[in-house]
Amino acid sequence: MRFLLVNDDGIHAPGMDTLIDSVQGRGEVIVIAPHQERSGMSQAITVHQPLRLLEVNRGYMLDGTPADCVKMGLQGLKLQPDLVLAGINSGANLGTDVLYSGTVAAALEAVMLGVPAVAFSLCGSDEFMPTAAHFVREVLFKRPGLVQRLDLIPKGGILNINIPALPVDQIKGVRITRQGVRHYEGVLEKRIDPRGGSYYWMGGRPASLTSQELDVDVVAVEQGYVSVTPLQFDLTFHDEIPRLTGAFGEQ
């Protein structure tokens, strides 16, 4: 088994250390990660400047985006991994977070290039990375083991896995979920610089949940479950096609 490991937190991030340790000894492991944190990059790629790739002790470091890292591995270095693993992200990628996530985007980029992929995120403090490592191994190698059952990863899609920041013995289990909606409060904070000019800092905190359905990723994690959500990159609103066709007619 050949693994390509990528992330959006940078090659020196704790989540990358944990992901490497989780799969070490299970096959060939190659790492390509950004040289610094590139969170919130979504599917961005670098097209107006060159990309510089540097070999380091744990793999390769690229001055690009998470999607660039996947492209570099598959198209630049001509690697042929059996599975791309993205993460372990420091922070949740739940609900509408996936639209911004460089971690999820890296996994989707792999699928677009024909390689199955899984994205892992830890929904809270890095002190619970051992919990994340436990469930990465569980999902990949034990229950039922994606490495042995790559067919469980949807064709043309990925599995987005979010792990609560709790001790292992407080995790209630693993649930298959659908993507929810995650709203944030206080996203833009206005501040004043020393010269009296204004600037804005992007931040905020998740708003209170409006749903309690355990088949929703946000709710499942809030209730202490590992959330496994199949995602695809087809954003077409298929149910609307008949109505719009009736309104505009076939041209």
C-alpha atoms as a PDB file:
ATOM      1  CA  MET A   1       0.000   0.000   0.000  1.00  0.00           C
ATOM      2  CA  ARG A   2       1.327   3.415  -1.003  1.00  0.00           C
ATOM      3  CA  PHE A   3       0.140   6.459   0.953  1.00  0.00           C
ATOM      4  CA  LEU A   4       0.454  10.122  -0.030  1.00  0.00           C
ATOM      5  CA  LEU A   5       0.016  12.388   3.002  1.00  0.00           C
ATOM      6  CA  VAL A   6      -0.941  16.061   2.619  1.00  0.00           C
ATOM      7  CA  ASN A   7      -2.393  18.776   4.847  1.00  0.00           C
ATOM      8  CA  ASP A   8      -3.181  22.480   5.062  1.00  0.00           C
ATOM      9  CA  ASP A   9      -1.570  23.238   8.449  1.00  0.00           C
ATOM     10  CA  GLY A  10       1.975  22.938   7.125  1.00  0.00           C
ATOM     11  CA  ILE A  11       4.610  20.249   7.093  1.00  0.00           C
ATOM     12  CA  HIS A  12       5.635  20.866  10.712  1.00  0.00           C
ATOM     13  CA  ALA A  13       2.094  20.738  12.122  1.00  0.00           C
ATOM     14  CA  PRO A  14       1.298  18.332  14.992  1.00  0.00           C
ATOM     15  CA  GLY A  15      -1.430  16.751  12.876  1.00  0.00           C
ATOM     16  CA  MET A  16       1.058  15.741  10.210  1.00  0.00           C
ATOM     17  CA  ASP A  17       3.337  14.172  12.838  1.00  0.00           C
ATOM     18  CA  THR A  18       0.356  12.216  14.145  1.00  0.00           C
ATOM     19  CA  LEU A  19      -0.792  11.115  10.698  1.00  0.00           C
ATOM     20  CA  ILE A  20       2.695   9.882   9.805  1.00  0.00           C
ATOM     21  CA  ASP A  21       2.918   7.923  13.074  1.00  0.00           C
ATOM     22  CA  SER A  22      -0.556   6.457  12.483  1.00  0.00           C
ATOM     23  CA  VAL A  23       0.369   4.847   9.151  1.00  0.00           C
ATOM     24  CA  GLN A  24       4.092   4.224   9.670  1.00  0.00           C
ATOM     25  CA  GLY A  25       4.977   0.600   8.989  1.00  0.00           C
ATOM     26  CA  ARG A  26       1.743  -0.029   7.069  1.00  0.00           C
ATOM     27  CA  GLY A  27       3.211   0.658   3.645  1.00  0.00           C
ATOM     28  CA  GLU A  28       5.161   3.215   1.653  1.00  0.00           C
ATOM     29  CA  VAL A  29       4.561   6.725   3.022  1.00  0.00           C
ATOM     30  CA  ILE A  30       5.306   9.920   1.093  1.00  0.00           C
ATOM     31  CA  VAL A  31       4.578  13.384   2.498  1.00  0.00           C
ATOM     32  CA  ILE A  32       4.010  16.559   0.473  1.00  0.00           C
ATOM     33  CA  ALA A  33       2.816  19.494   2.556  1.00  0.00           C
ATOM     34  CA  PRO A  34       2.825  23.305   2.454  1.00  0.00           C
ATOM     35  CA  HIS A  35       5.851  25.081   3.886  1.00  0.00           C
ATOM     36  CA  GLN A  36       3.531  27.074   6.168  1.00  0.00           C
ATOM     37  CA  GLU A  37      -0.092  27.027   7.285  1.00  0.00           C
ATOM     38  CA  ARG A  38      -2.471  27.369   4.341  1.00  0.00           C
ATOM     39  CA  SER A  39      -5.816  26.891   6.085  1.00  0.00           C
ATOM     40  CA  GLY A  40      -8.945  28.248   4.416  1.00  0.00           C
ATOM     41  CA  MET A  41      -7.468  27.930   0.914  1.00  0.00           C
ATOM     42  CA  SER A  42     -10.229  25.641  -0.333  1.00  0.00           C
ATOM     43  CA  GLN A  43      -9.423  24.388  -3.866  1.00  0.00           C
ATOM     44  CA  ALA A  44      -7.056  27.261  -4.701  1.00  0.00           C
ATOM     45  CA  ILE A  45      -4.117  26.480  -6.984  1.00  0.00           C
ATOM     46  CA  THR A  46      -1.049  28.547  -7.840  1.00  0.00           C
ATOM     47  CA  VAL A  47      -1.053  29.742 -11.450  1.00  0.00           C
ATOM     48  CA  HIS A  48       0.720  33.134 -11.478  1.00  0.00           C
ATOM     49  CA  GLN A  49       4.024  32.204  -9.846  1.00  0.00           C
ATOM     50  CA  PRO A  50       6.351  29.193  -9.824  1.00  0.00           C
ATOM     51  CA  LEU A  51       6.140  26.460  -7.221  1.00  0.00           C
ATOM     52  CA  ARG A  52       9.264  25.536  -5.309  1.00  0.00           C
ATOM     53  CA  LEU A  53       9.617  22.006  -3.967  1.00  0.00           C
ATOM     54  CA  LEU A  54      12.176  21.196  -1.290  1.00  0.00           C
ATOM     55  CA  GLU A  55      13.026  17.711  -0.062  1.00  0.00           C
ATOM     56  CA  VAL A  56      13.167  17.561   3.737  1.00  0.00           C
ATOM     57  CA  ASN A  57      13.663  14.791   6.279  1.00  0.00           C
ATOM     58  CA  ARG A  58      10.014  13.749   6.323  1.00  0.00           C
ATOM     59  CA  GLY A  59       9.200  14.161   2.636  1.00  0.00           C
ATOM     60  CA  TYR A  60       8.631  17.243   0.494  1.00  0.00           C
ATOM     61  CA  MET A  61       7.779  20.826   1.388  1.00  0.00           C
ATOM     62  CA  LEU A  62       6.010  22.990  -1.202  1.00  0.00           C
ATOM     63  CA  ASP A  63       5.430  26.756  -1.191  1.00  0.00           C
ATOM     64  CA  GLY A  64       1.898  26.270  -2.468  1.00  0.00           C
ATOM     65  CA  THR A  65      -1.634  25.352  -1.455  1.00  0.00           C
ATOM     66  CA  PRO A  66      -2.935  21.973  -0.299  1.00  0.00           C
ATOM     67  CA  ALA A  67      -4.378  21.322  -3.760  1.00  0.00           C
ATOM     68  CA  ASP A  68      -0.979  22.251  -5.248  1.00  0.00           C
ATOM     69  CA  CYS A  69       0.603  19.588  -3.030  1.00  0.00           C
ATOM     70  CA  VAL A  70      -1.633  16.901  -4.471  1.00  0.00           C
ATOM     71  CA  LYS A  71      -1.045  18.084  -8.016  1.00  0.00           C
ATOM     72  CA  MET A  72       2.692  18.134  -7.411  1.00  0.00           C
ATOM     73  CA  GLY A  73       2.643  14.580  -6.122  1.00  0.00           C
ATOM     74  CA  LEU A  74       0.457  13.081  -8.822  1.00  0.00           C
ATOM     75  CA  GLN A  75       1.308  15.216 -11.841  1.00  0.00           C
ATOM     76  CA  GLY A  76       4.715  16.712 -10.993  1.00  0.00           C
ATOM     77  CA  LEU A  77       6.504  13.801  -9.321  1.00  0.00           C
ATOM     78  CA  LYS A  78       4.363  11.190 -11.096  1.00  0.00           C
ATOM     79  CA  LEU A  79       3.673   9.342  -7.853  1.00  0.00           C
ATOM     80  CA  GLN A  80       1.150   6.516  -7.939  1.00  0.00           C
ATOM     81  CA  PRO A  81      -0.324   6.259  -4.431  1.00  0.00           C
ATOM     82  CA  ASP A  82      -3.123   3.846  -3.631  1.00  0.00           C
ATOM     83  CA  LEU A  83      -4.642   6.278  -1.145  1.00  0.00           C
ATOM     84  CA  VAL A  84      -4.295   9.990  -0.333  1.00  0.00           C
ATOM     85  CA  LEU A  85      -4.732  10.981   3.318  1.00  0.00           C
ATOM     86  CA  ALA A  86      -5.349  14.655   4.148  1.00  0.00           C
ATOM     87  CA  GLY A  87      -4.844  15.994   7.674  1.00  0.00           C
ATOM     88  CA  ILE A  88      -4.942  15.540  10.541  1.00  0.00           C
ATOM     89  CA  ASN A  89      -6.408  19.045  10.554  1.00  0.00           C
ATOM     90  CA  SER A  90      -6.175  21.078  13.757  1.00  0.00           C
ATOM     91  CA  GLY A  91      -9.834  22.054  13.962  1.00  0.00           C
ATOM     92  CA  ALA A  92     -13.170  20.816  12.702  1.00  0.00           C
ATOM     93  CA  ASN A  93     -14.214  20.537   9.079  1.00  0.00           C
ATOM     94  CA  LEU A  94     -17.942  20.174   9.626  1.00  0.00           C
ATOM     95  CA  GLY A  95     -20.969  21.351   7.700  1.00  0.00           C
ATOM     96  CA  THR A  96     -20.242  24.331   5.481  1.00  0.00           C
ATOM     97  CA  ASP A  97     -16.634  24.445   6.764  1.00  0.00           C
ATOM     98  CA  VAL A  98     -15.810  22.040   3.939  1.00  0.00           C
ATOM     99  CA  LEU A  99     -16.330  24.831   1.385  1.00  0.00           C
ATOM    100  CA  TYR A 100     -13.288  26.645   2.811  1.00  0.00           C
ATOM    101  CA  SER A 101     -11.195  23.730   4.013  1.00  0.00           C
ATOM    102  CA  GLY A 102      -7.800  23.144   2.439  1.00  0.00           C
ATOM    103  CA  THR A 103      -7.781  19.688   4.030  1.00  0.00           C
ATOM    104  CA  VAL A 104     -11.022  18.597   2.360  1.00  0.00           C
ATOM    105  CA  ALA A 105      -9.952  20.302  -0.883  1.00  0.00           C
ATOM    106  CA  ALA A 106      -6.713  18.305  -0.970  1.00  0.00           C
ATOM    107  CA  ALA A 107      -8.684  15.084  -0.689  1.00  0.00           C
ATOM    108  CA  LEU A 108     -11.116  16.194  -3.417  1.00  0.00           C
ATOM    109  CA  GLU A 109      -8.183  17.163  -5.651  1.00  0.00           C
ATOM    110  CA  ALA A 110      -6.861  13.624  -5.349  1.00  0.00           C
ATOM    111  CA  VAL A 111     -10.229  12.183  -6.370  1.00  0.00           C
ATOM    112  CA  MET A 112     -10.398  14.544  -9.346  1.00  0.00           C
ATOM    113  CA  LEU A 113      -7.044  13.082 -10.410  1.00  0.00           C
ATOM    114  CA  GLY A 114      -8.252   9.510  -9.978  1.00  0.00           C
ATOM    115  CA  VAL A 115      -6.941   8.519  -6.531  1.00  0.00           C
ATOM    116  CA  PRO A 116      -9.219   7.666  -3.570  1.00  0.00           C
ATOM    117  CA  ALA A 117      -8.842   9.958  -0.577  1.00  0.00           C
ATOM    118  CA  VAL A 118      -9.867  10.503   3.028  1.00  0.00           C
ATOM    119  CA  ALA A 119      -9.763  13.745   5.051  1.00  0.00           C
ATOM    120  CA  PHE A 120      -9.215  13.683   8.830  1.00  0.00           C
ATOM    121  CA  SER A 121      -9.861  16.531  11.280  1.00  0.00           C
ATOM    122  CA  LEU A 122      -9.594  16.849  15.058  1.00  0.00           C
ATOM    123  CA  CYS A 123     -12.419  19.043  16.353  1.00  0.00           C
ATOM    124  CA  GLY A 124     -10.592  20.859  19.122  1.00  0.00           C
ATOM    125  CA  SER A 125      -7.341  21.064  21.067  1.00  0.00           C
ATOM    126  CA  ASP A 126      -4.199  19.374  19.733  1.00  0.00           C
ATOM    127  CA  GLU A 127      -3.756  17.731  23.146  1.00  0.00           C
ATOM    128  CA  PHE A 128      -6.226  15.123  21.851  1.00  0.00           C
ATOM    129  CA  MET A 129      -4.108  14.140  18.850  1.00  0.00           C
ATOM    130  CA  PRO A 130      -3.638  10.676  20.441  1.00  0.00           C
ATOM    131  CA  THR A 131      -7.421  10.247  20.151  1.00  0.00           C
ATOM    132  CA  ALA A 132      -7.234  11.249  16.493  1.00  0.00           C
ATOM    133  CA  ALA A 133      -4.403   8.767  15.913  1.00  0.00           C
ATOM    134  CA  HIS A 134      -6.453   5.999  17.501  1.00  0.00           C
ATOM    135  CA  PHE A 135      -9.397   6.561  15.181  1.00  0.00           C
ATOM    136  CA  VAL A 136      -7.256   7.050  12.085  1.00  0.00           C
ATOM    137  CA  ARG A 137      -5.900   3.554  12.713  1.00  0.00           C
ATOM    138  CA  GLU A 138      -9.369   2.231  13.517  1.00  0.00           C
ATOM    139  CA  VAL A 139     -10.883   3.558  10.303  1.00  0.00           C
ATOM    140  CA  LEU A 140      -7.983   2.647   8.038  1.00  0.00           C
ATOM    141  CA  PHE A 141      -6.957  -0.704   9.429  1.00  0.00           C
ATOM    142  CA  LYS A 142      -9.636  -2.165  11.714  1.00  0.00           C
ATOM    143  CA  ARG A 143     -13.285  -1.250  11.222  1.00  0.00           C
ATOM    144  CA  PRO A 144     -13.704  -2.703   8.589  1.00  0.00           C
ATOM    145  CA  GLY A 145     -10.473  -1.145   7.370  1.00  0.00           C
ATOM    146  CA  LEU A 146     -10.526   1.200   4.404  1.00  0.00           C
ATOM    147  CA  VAL A 147      -7.066   0.021   3.362  1.00  0.00           C
ATOM    148  CA  GLN A 148      -8.541  -3.433   2.748  1.00  0.00           C
ATOM    149  CA  ARG A 149     -11.875  -2.017   1.496  1.00  0.00           C
ATOM    150  CA  LEU A 150     -11.073   0.929  -0.761  1.00  0.00           C
ATOM    151  CA  ASP A 151     -14.462   0.301  -2.373  1.00  0.00           C
ATOM    152  CA  LEU A 152     -16.037   1.826   0.751  1.00  0.00           C
ATOM    153  CA  ILE A 153     -14.712   5.210  -0.356  1.00  0.00           C
ATOM    154  CA  PRO A 154     -17.356   6.552  -2.759  1.00  0.00           C
ATOM    155  CA  LYS A 155     -16.308   6.588  -6.388  1.00  0.00           C
ATOM    156  CA  GLY A 156     -15.937  10.233  -7.377  1.00  0.00           C
ATOM    157  CA  GLY A 157     -16.013  11.348  -3.749  1.00  0.00           C
ATOM    158  CA  ILE A 158     -14.191  11.274  -0.433  1.00  0.00           C
ATOM    159  CA  LEU A 159     -14.804  10.396   3.196  1.00  0.00           C
ATOM    160  CA  ASN A 160     -14.622  13.425   5.491  1.00  0.00           C
ATOM    161  CA  ILE A 161     -13.867  12.225   9.023  1.00  0.00           C
ATOM    162  CA  ASN A 162     -14.162  14.491  12.076  1.00  0.00           C
ATOM    163  CA  ILE A 163     -12.968  13.309  15.490  1.00  0.00           C
ATOM    164  CA  PRO A 164     -14.158  14.907  18.743  1.00  0.00           C
ATOM    165  CA  ALA A 165     -11.479  16.387  21.011  1.00  0.00           C
ATOM    166  CA  LEU A 166     -12.086  13.924  23.840  1.00  0.00           C
ATOM    167  CA  PRO A 167     -10.227  11.049  25.469  1.00  0.00           C
ATOM    168  CA  VAL A 168     -10.681   7.800  23.548  1.00  0.00           C
ATOM    169  CA  ASP A 169     -12.815   6.256  26.297  1.00  0.00           C
ATOM    170  CA  GLN A 170     -15.284   9.160  26.064  1.00  0.00           C
ATOM    171  CA  ILE A 171     -15.940   8.722  22.334  1.00  0.00           C
ATOM    172  CA  LYS A 172     -19.374   7.121  21.937  1.00  0.00           C
ATOM    173  CA  GLY A 173     -18.699   5.490  18.590  1.00  0.00           C
ATOM    174  CA  VAL A 174     -18.543   6.137  14.860  1.00  0.00           C
ATOM    175  CA  ARG A 175     -21.539   7.448  12.918  1.00  0.00           C
ATOM    176  CA  ILE A 176     -22.119   7.787   9.183  1.00  0.00           C
ATOM    177  CA  THR A 177     -23.456  11.297   8.704  1.00  0.00           C
ATOM    178  CA  ARG A 178     -24.601  13.858   6.190  1.00  0.00           C
ATOM    179  CA  GLN A 179     -23.193  17.343   5.819  1.00  0.00           C
ATOM    180  CA  GLY A 180     -24.876  19.882   8.038  1.00  0.00           C
ATOM    181  CA  VAL A 181     -24.880  23.670   8.122  1.00  0.00           C
ATOM    182  CA  ARG A 182     -22.511  25.507  10.434  1.00  0.00           C
ATOM    183  CA  HIS A 183     -23.040  29.209  11.147  1.00  0.00           C
ATOM    184  CA  TYR A 184     -20.552  31.474  12.895  1.00  0.00           C
ATOM    185  CA  GLU A 185     -21.102  34.459  15.164  1.00  0.00           C
ATOM    186  CA  GLY A 186     -18.855  37.524  15.216  1.00  0.00           C
ATOM    187  CA  VAL A 187     -16.915  36.532  12.109  1.00  0.00           C
ATOM    188  CA  LEU A 188     -15.357  39.971  11.447  1.00  0.00           C
ATOM    189  CA  GLU A 189     -13.850  41.932  14.330  1.00  0.00           C
ATOM    190  CA  LYS A 190     -12.986  45.569  13.668  1.00  0.00           C
ATOM    191  CA  ARG A 191      -9.799  46.904  15.274  1.00  0.00           C
ATOM    192  CA  ILE A 192      -7.822  50.130  15.208  1.00  0.00           C
ATOM    193  CA  ASP A 193      -4.106  50.187  14.411  1.00  0.00           C
ATOM    194  CA  PRO A 194      -1.578  52.489  16.231  1.00  0.00           C
ATOM    195  CA  ARG A 195      -2.053  55.163  13.548  1.00  0.00           C
ATOM    196  CA  GLY A 196      -5.801  55.289  13.915  1.00  0.00           C
ATOM    197  CA  GLY A 197      -6.614  53.269  10.830  1.00  0.00           C
ATOM    198  CA  SER A 198      -9.134  50.449  10.927  1.00  0.00           C
ATOM    199  CA  TYR A 199      -8.592  46.827  10.011  1.00  0.00           C
ATOM    200  CA  TYR A 200     -10.611  43.645  10.340  1.00  0.00           C
ATOM    201  CA  TRP A 201      -9.687  40.261  11.763  1.00  0.00           C
ATOM    202  CA  MET A 202     -11.534  37.176  10.526  1.00  0.00           C
ATOM    203  CA  GLY A 203     -12.601  34.876  13.334  1.00  0.00           C
ATOM    204  CA  GLY A 204     -15.769  33.975  15.191  1.00  0.00           C
ATOM    205  CA  ARG A 205     -17.237  30.995  16.974  1.00  0.00           C
ATOM    206  CA  PRO A 206     -19.815  28.421  15.894  1.00  0.00           C
ATOM    207  CA  ALA A 207     -23.393  29.423  16.656  1.00  0.00           C
ATOM    208  CA  SER A 208     -25.673  27.208  18.724  1.00  0.00           C
ATOM    209  CA  LEU A 209     -26.952  24.137  16.933  1.00  0.00           C
ATOM    210  CA  THR A 210     -30.494  24.309  15.604  1.00  0.00           C
ATOM    211  CA  SER A 211     -30.726  20.571  14.876  1.00  0.00           C
ATOM    212  CA  GLN A 212     -30.284  17.572  17.159  1.00  0.00           C
ATOM    213  CA  GLU A 213     -30.346  14.913  14.444  1.00  0.00           C
ATOM    214  CA  LEU A 214     -27.467  12.509  14.990  1.00  0.00           C
ATOM    215  CA  ASP A 215     -27.132  11.818  11.268  1.00  0.00           C
ATOM    216  CA  VAL A 216     -25.817  15.387  10.816  1.00  0.00           C
ATOM    217  CA  ASP A 217     -22.026  15.718  11.081  1.00  0.00           C
ATOM    218  CA  VAL A 218     -22.065  18.802  13.327  1.00  0.00           C
ATOM    219  CA  VAL A 219     -24.487  17.214  15.790  1.00  0.00           C
ATOM    220  CA  ALA A 220     -22.748  13.837  15.856  1.00  0.00           C
ATOM    221  CA  VAL A 221     -19.412  15.379  16.843  1.00  0.00           C
ATOM    222  CA  GLU A 222     -21.075  17.662  19.392  1.00  0.00           C
ATOM    223  CA  GLN A 223     -22.609  14.536  20.971  1.00  0.00           C
ATOM    224  CA  GLY A 224     -19.245  12.742  21.140  1.00  0.00           C
ATOM    225  CA  TYR A 225     -19.267  10.602  17.982  1.00  0.00           C
ATOM    226  CA  VAL A 226     -16.685  10.348  15.239  1.00  0.00           C
ATOM    227  CA  SER A 227     -18.412  11.612  12.102  1.00  0.00           C
ATOM    228  CA  VAL A 228     -17.822   9.947   8.731  1.00  0.00           C
ATOM    229  CA  THR A 229     -19.410  11.898   5.873  1.00  0.00           C
ATOM    230  CA  PRO A 230     -19.232  10.928   2.191  1.00  0.00           C
ATOM    231  CA  LEU A 231     -18.706  14.063   0.085  1.00  0.00           C
ATOM    232  CA  GLN A 232     -18.625  14.729  -3.656  1.00  0.00           C
ATOM    233  CA  PHE A 233     -17.567  17.762  -5.681  1.00  0.00           C
ATOM    234  CA  ASP A 234     -20.702  17.855  -7.853  1.00  0.00           C
ATOM    235  CA  LEU A 235     -22.512  20.951  -6.522  1.00  0.00           C
ATOM    236  CA  THR A 236     -25.363  20.732  -9.012  1.00  0.00           C
ATOM    237  CA  PHE A 237     -28.798  21.327  -7.456  1.00  0.00           C
ATOM    238  CA  HIS A 238     -30.260  18.353  -9.308  1.00  0.00           C
ATOM    239  CA  ASP A 239     -33.820  18.700  -7.953  1.00  0.00           C
ATOM    240  CA  GLU A 240     -34.092  22.153  -9.531  1.00  0.00           C
ATOM    241  CA  ILE A 241     -33.231  21.077 -13.078  1.00  0.00           C
ATOM    242  CA  PRO A 242     -36.825  20.035 -14.076  1.00  0.00           C
ATOM    243  CA  ARG A 243     -38.328  23.264 -12.716  1.00  0.00           C
ATOM    244  CA  LEU A 244     -35.767  25.475 -14.435  1.00  0.00           C
ATOM    245  CA  THR A 245     -36.089  23.497 -17.654  1.00  0.00           C
ATOM    246  CA  GLY A 246     -39.825  24.126 -17.573  1.00  0.00           C
ATOM    247  CA  ALA A 247     -39.339  27.823 -16.959  1.00  0.00           C
ATOM    248  CA  PHE A 248     -36.663  28.487 -19.572  1.00  0.00           C
ATOM    249  CA  GLY A 249     -37.419  25.684 -22.000  1.00  0.00           C
ATOM    250  CA  GLU A 250     -34.879  23.650 -23.909  1.00  0.00           C
ATOM    251  CA  GLN A 251     -32.860  25.851 -26.240  1.00  0.00           C
END
